[in-house]
């Protein structure tokens, strides 16, 4: 029987669990729930009640964009370094 995960794509808690389940090769179906809606049923299934408070949502969104930008910049720096190292290795006849 496939396990169900109820949550949203933007939840950091759901992302962490999905990553672990993928690494452990555990099949899981994500059932999307609007956890911010007034009629949400998430608390029926979520004993910890881990939801971001209303006043922290904007900050969380900004932090997500910041993390994405940091990752993109890290990738760009690595691409540049790899190209530079390749040129250097060729110049000094190492490979």
N, C-alpha and C. Protein backbone atom coordinates (compact mmCIF):
# COMPACT_ATOMS: atom_id res chain seq x y z
N UNK A 1 0.84 -1.18 0.00
CA UNK A 1 0.00 0.00 0.00
C UNK A 1 0.89 1.25 0.00
N UNK A 2 0.63 2.17 -0.93
CA UNK A 2 1.44 3.38 -1.03
C UNK A 2 1.10 4.33 0.11
N UNK A 3 2.13 4.93 0.66
CA UNK A 3 1.95 5.89 1.75
C UNK A 3 1.48 7.23 1.18
N UNK A 4 0.70 7.96 1.96
CA UNK A 4 0.22 9.28 1.57
C UNK A 4 0.93 10.34 2.40
N UNK A 5 1.28 11.43 1.74
CA UNK A 5 1.80 12.59 2.45
C UNK A 5 0.87 13.74 2.11
N UNK A 6 0.35 14.38 3.12
CA UNK A 6 -0.58 15.48 2.91
C UNK A 6 0.13 16.77 3.26
N UNK A 7 0.17 17.70 2.31
CA UNK A 7 0.87 18.95 2.55
C UNK A 7 0.89 19.81 1.31
N UNK A 8 1.86 20.69 1.24
CA UNK A 8 1.98 21.59 0.08
C UNK A 8 3.41 21.58 -0.41
N UNK A 9 3.58 22.00 -1.65
CA UNK A 9 4.92 22.04 -2.25
C UNK A 9 5.83 23.05 -1.55
N UNK A 10 5.25 24.08 -0.96
CA UNK A 10 6.09 25.14 -0.37
C UNK A 10 6.49 24.86 1.07
N UNK A 11 6.01 23.78 1.64
CA UNK A 11 6.34 23.47 3.03
C UNK A 11 7.75 22.92 3.14
N UNK A 12 8.60 23.55 3.96
CA UNK A 12 9.95 23.01 4.14
C UNK A 12 9.92 21.64 4.82
N UNK A 13 8.93 21.39 5.64
CA UNK A 13 8.81 20.11 6.32
C UNK A 13 8.46 19.00 5.32
N UNK A 14 7.55 19.30 4.39
CA UNK A 14 7.18 18.33 3.36
C UNK A 14 8.38 18.05 2.47
N UNK A 15 9.13 19.08 2.10
CA UNK A 15 10.31 18.88 1.24
C UNK A 15 11.32 17.97 1.91
N UNK A 16 11.58 18.19 3.20
CA UNK A 16 12.55 17.36 3.92
C UNK A 16 12.11 15.90 3.93
N UNK A 17 10.86 15.66 4.21
CA UNK A 17 10.35 14.29 4.28
C UNK A 17 10.38 13.65 2.90
N UNK A 18 10.02 14.40 1.86
CA UNK A 18 10.05 13.84 0.50
C UNK A 18 11.46 13.47 0.08
N UNK A 19 12.44 14.27 0.47
CA UNK A 19 13.84 13.96 0.14
C UNK A 19 14.27 12.67 0.82
N UNK A 20 13.97 12.55 2.10
CA UNK A 20 14.34 11.34 2.85
C UNK A 20 13.65 10.13 2.25
N UNK A 21 12.37 10.25 1.94
CA UNK A 21 11.64 9.12 1.38
C UNK A 21 12.20 8.72 0.02
N UNK A 22 12.60 9.69 -0.79
CA UNK A 22 13.20 9.38 -2.09
C UNK A 22 14.55 8.68 -1.90
N UNK A 23 15.35 9.17 -0.96
CA UNK A 23 16.65 8.54 -0.69
C UNK A 23 16.49 7.11 -0.19
N UNK A 24 15.45 6.87 0.58
CA UNK A 24 15.19 5.54 1.13
C UNK A 24 14.37 4.67 0.18
N UNK A 25 14.02 5.25 -0.99
CA UNK A 25 13.23 4.55 -1.99
C UNK A 25 11.89 4.06 -1.44
N UNK A 26 11.22 4.93 -0.71
CA UNK A 26 9.90 4.65 -0.17
C UNK A 26 8.88 5.36 -1.05
N UNK A 27 7.97 4.59 -1.64
CA UNK A 27 6.94 5.18 -2.49
C UNK A 27 5.97 5.99 -1.65
N UNK A 28 5.62 7.16 -2.18
CA UNK A 28 4.75 8.06 -1.43
C UNK A 28 3.98 8.93 -2.42
N UNK A 29 2.71 9.10 -2.17
CA UNK A 29 1.89 9.99 -2.99
C UNK A 29 1.66 11.28 -2.22
N UNK A 30 1.96 12.41 -2.86
CA UNK A 30 1.74 13.72 -2.24
C UNK A 30 0.31 14.17 -2.55
N UNK A 31 -0.46 14.35 -1.51
CA UNK A 31 -1.82 14.87 -1.64
C UNK A 31 -1.76 16.34 -1.25
N UNK A 32 -2.01 17.20 -2.22
CA UNK A 32 -1.89 18.64 -1.97
C UNK A 32 -3.05 19.14 -1.13
N UNK A 33 -2.72 19.93 -0.14
CA UNK A 33 -3.71 20.52 0.76
C UNK A 33 -3.35 21.99 0.93
N UNK A 34 -4.32 22.86 0.78
CA UNK A 34 -4.10 24.28 1.04
C UNK A 34 -4.11 24.48 2.55
N UNK A 35 -2.93 24.43 3.14
CA UNK A 35 -2.84 24.46 4.60
C UNK A 35 -3.19 25.83 5.17
N UNK A 36 -3.28 26.84 4.32
CA UNK A 36 -3.61 28.19 4.80
C UNK A 36 -5.10 28.48 4.73
N UNK A 37 -5.85 27.60 4.08
CA UNK A 37 -7.29 27.81 3.96
C UNK A 37 -7.96 27.63 5.33
N UNK A 38 -9.04 28.34 5.53
CA UNK A 38 -9.73 28.26 6.82
C UNK A 38 -10.35 26.89 7.07
N UNK A 39 -10.66 26.17 5.99
CA UNK A 39 -11.27 24.85 6.15
C UNK A 39 -10.27 23.69 6.00
N UNK A 40 -8.99 23.97 6.15
CA UNK A 40 -7.97 22.93 5.99
C UNK A 40 -8.17 21.79 6.99
N UNK A 41 -7.85 20.61 6.54
CA UNK A 41 -7.94 19.41 7.38
C UNK A 41 -6.56 18.94 7.82
N UNK A 42 -5.54 19.76 7.58
CA UNK A 42 -4.16 19.33 7.85
C UNK A 42 -3.95 18.97 9.32
N UNK A 43 -4.62 19.66 10.22
CA UNK A 43 -4.43 19.37 11.65
C UNK A 43 -5.00 18.01 12.05
N UNK A 44 -5.91 17.48 11.23
CA UNK A 44 -6.42 16.13 11.49
C UNK A 44 -5.35 15.08 11.24
N UNK A 45 -4.39 15.40 10.36
CA UNK A 45 -3.36 14.45 9.96
C UNK A 45 -1.97 14.82 10.48
N UNK A 46 -1.80 16.03 10.99
CA UNK A 46 -0.50 16.54 11.39
C UNK A 46 -0.48 16.73 12.91
N UNK A 47 -0.02 15.73 13.65
CA UNK A 47 -0.07 15.82 15.11
C UNK A 47 0.82 16.92 15.68
N UNK A 48 1.87 17.31 14.95
CA UNK A 48 2.75 18.36 15.46
C UNK A 48 2.24 19.75 15.13
N UNK A 49 1.36 19.84 14.16
CA UNK A 49 0.82 21.15 13.77
C UNK A 49 1.89 22.08 13.25
N UNK A 50 2.88 21.54 12.52
CA UNK A 50 3.99 22.37 12.05
C UNK A 50 3.58 23.16 10.81
N UNK A 51 3.11 24.36 11.04
CA UNK A 51 2.77 25.31 9.99
C UNK A 51 3.43 26.62 10.33
N UNK A 52 3.83 27.34 9.31
CA UNK A 52 4.41 28.64 9.57
C UNK A 52 3.30 29.62 9.94
N UNK A 53 3.49 30.42 10.96
CA UNK A 53 2.48 31.41 11.32
C UNK A 53 2.28 32.43 10.20
N UNK A 54 1.09 32.99 10.14
CA UNK A 54 0.72 33.95 9.10
C UNK A 54 1.76 35.06 8.97
N UNK A 55 2.22 35.59 10.09
CA UNK A 55 3.13 36.74 10.05
C UNK A 55 4.53 36.38 9.53
N UNK A 56 4.87 35.09 9.44
CA UNK A 56 6.20 34.69 8.97
C UNK A 56 6.21 34.24 7.52
N UNK A 57 5.07 34.20 6.87
CA UNK A 57 5.01 33.69 5.50
C UNK A 57 5.80 34.55 4.52
N UNK A 58 5.66 35.86 4.63
CA UNK A 58 6.36 36.75 3.70
C UNK A 58 7.86 36.59 3.87
N UNK A 59 8.33 36.55 5.10
CA UNK A 59 9.76 36.37 5.35
C UNK A 59 10.24 35.03 4.82
N UNK A 60 9.43 34.00 4.97
CA UNK A 60 9.81 32.67 4.48
C UNK A 60 9.93 32.69 2.96
N UNK A 61 9.01 33.37 2.30
CA UNK A 61 9.08 33.46 0.84
C UNK A 61 10.36 34.17 0.41
N UNK A 62 10.70 35.25 1.09
CA UNK A 62 11.92 35.99 0.78
C UNK A 62 13.14 35.10 1.01
N UNK A 63 13.15 34.34 2.11
CA UNK A 63 14.28 33.46 2.41
C UNK A 63 14.41 32.35 1.34
N UNK A 64 13.29 31.87 0.82
CA UNK A 64 13.33 30.86 -0.24
C UNK A 64 13.98 31.44 -1.51
N UNK A 65 13.57 32.65 -1.87
CA UNK A 65 14.18 33.29 -3.04
C UNK A 65 15.66 33.55 -2.81
N UNK A 66 16.01 33.94 -1.59
CA UNK A 66 17.41 34.18 -1.26
C UNK A 66 18.22 32.89 -1.39
N UNK A 67 17.69 31.79 -0.90
CA UNK A 67 18.39 30.50 -0.99
C UNK A 67 18.54 30.08 -2.45
N UNK A 68 17.51 30.31 -3.26
CA UNK A 68 17.60 29.98 -4.68
C UNK A 68 18.69 30.81 -5.36
N UNK A 69 18.71 32.11 -5.07
CA UNK A 69 19.72 32.98 -5.66
C UNK A 69 21.13 32.56 -5.21
N UNK A 70 21.28 32.22 -3.94
CA UNK A 70 22.59 31.75 -3.45
C UNK A 70 23.03 30.50 -4.20
N UNK A 71 22.12 29.57 -4.39
CA UNK A 71 22.45 28.34 -5.11
C UNK A 71 22.85 28.60 -6.55
N UNK A 72 22.15 29.53 -7.19
CA UNK A 72 22.48 29.87 -8.58
C UNK A 72 23.86 30.52 -8.66
N UNK A 73 24.16 31.40 -7.72
CA UNK A 73 25.48 32.03 -7.71
C UNK A 73 26.58 31.03 -7.43
N UNK A 74 26.35 30.11 -6.49
CA UNK A 74 27.33 29.05 -6.22
C UNK A 74 27.61 28.24 -7.47
N UNK A 75 26.56 27.89 -8.20
CA UNK A 75 26.73 27.12 -9.43
C UNK A 75 27.52 27.90 -10.47
N UNK A 76 27.23 29.20 -10.60
CA UNK A 76 27.95 30.03 -11.56
C UNK A 76 29.43 30.12 -11.21
N UNK A 77 29.75 30.28 -9.94
CA UNK A 77 31.15 30.35 -9.50
C UNK A 77 31.86 29.03 -9.80
N UNK A 78 31.20 27.91 -9.53
CA UNK A 78 31.81 26.60 -9.80
C UNK A 78 32.05 26.39 -11.29
N UNK A 79 31.12 26.82 -12.12
CA UNK A 79 31.30 26.71 -13.57
C UNK A 79 32.53 27.50 -13.99
N UNK A 80 32.66 28.70 -13.47
CA UNK A 80 33.81 29.54 -13.82
C UNK A 80 35.11 28.92 -13.32
N UNK A 81 35.11 28.43 -12.09
CA UNK A 81 36.33 27.81 -11.54
C UNK A 81 36.73 26.56 -12.33
N UNK A 82 35.76 25.75 -12.70
CA UNK A 82 36.07 24.55 -13.48
C UNK A 82 36.69 24.92 -14.82
N UNK A 83 36.14 25.95 -15.46
CA UNK A 83 36.71 26.40 -16.74
C UNK A 83 38.11 26.94 -16.57
N UNK A 84 38.34 27.70 -15.52
CA UNK A 84 39.66 28.27 -15.25
C UNK A 84 40.67 27.17 -14.96
N UNK A 85 40.26 26.20 -14.14
CA UNK A 85 41.18 25.10 -13.81
C UNK A 85 41.51 24.28 -15.05
N UNK A 86 40.54 24.07 -15.92
CA UNK A 86 40.78 23.32 -17.15
C UNK A 86 41.81 24.05 -18.01
N UNK A 87 41.65 25.38 -18.15
CA UNK A 87 42.60 26.17 -18.93
C UNK A 87 43.99 26.11 -18.30
N UNK A 88 44.06 26.18 -16.98
CA UNK A 88 45.34 26.13 -16.28
C UNK A 88 46.02 24.78 -16.48
N UNK A 89 45.24 23.69 -16.37
CA UNK A 89 45.81 22.35 -16.56
C UNK A 89 46.37 22.19 -17.97
N UNK A 90 45.66 22.72 -18.94
CA UNK A 90 46.15 22.64 -20.33
C UNK A 90 47.42 23.47 -20.48
N UNK A 91 47.44 24.66 -19.86
CA UNK A 91 48.59 25.55 -19.98
C UNK A 91 49.84 24.94 -19.37
N UNK A 92 49.70 24.21 -18.27
CA UNK A 92 50.89 23.63 -17.62
C UNK A 92 51.07 22.15 -18.00
N UNK A 93 50.28 21.71 -18.99
CA UNK A 93 50.42 20.38 -19.56
C UNK A 93 50.10 19.26 -18.54
N UNK A 94 49.07 19.45 -17.72
CA UNK A 94 48.67 18.42 -16.78
C UNK A 94 47.49 17.60 -17.27
N UNK A 95 46.93 17.96 -18.33
CA UNK A 95 45.80 17.14 -18.75
C UNK A 95 44.91 17.80 -19.67
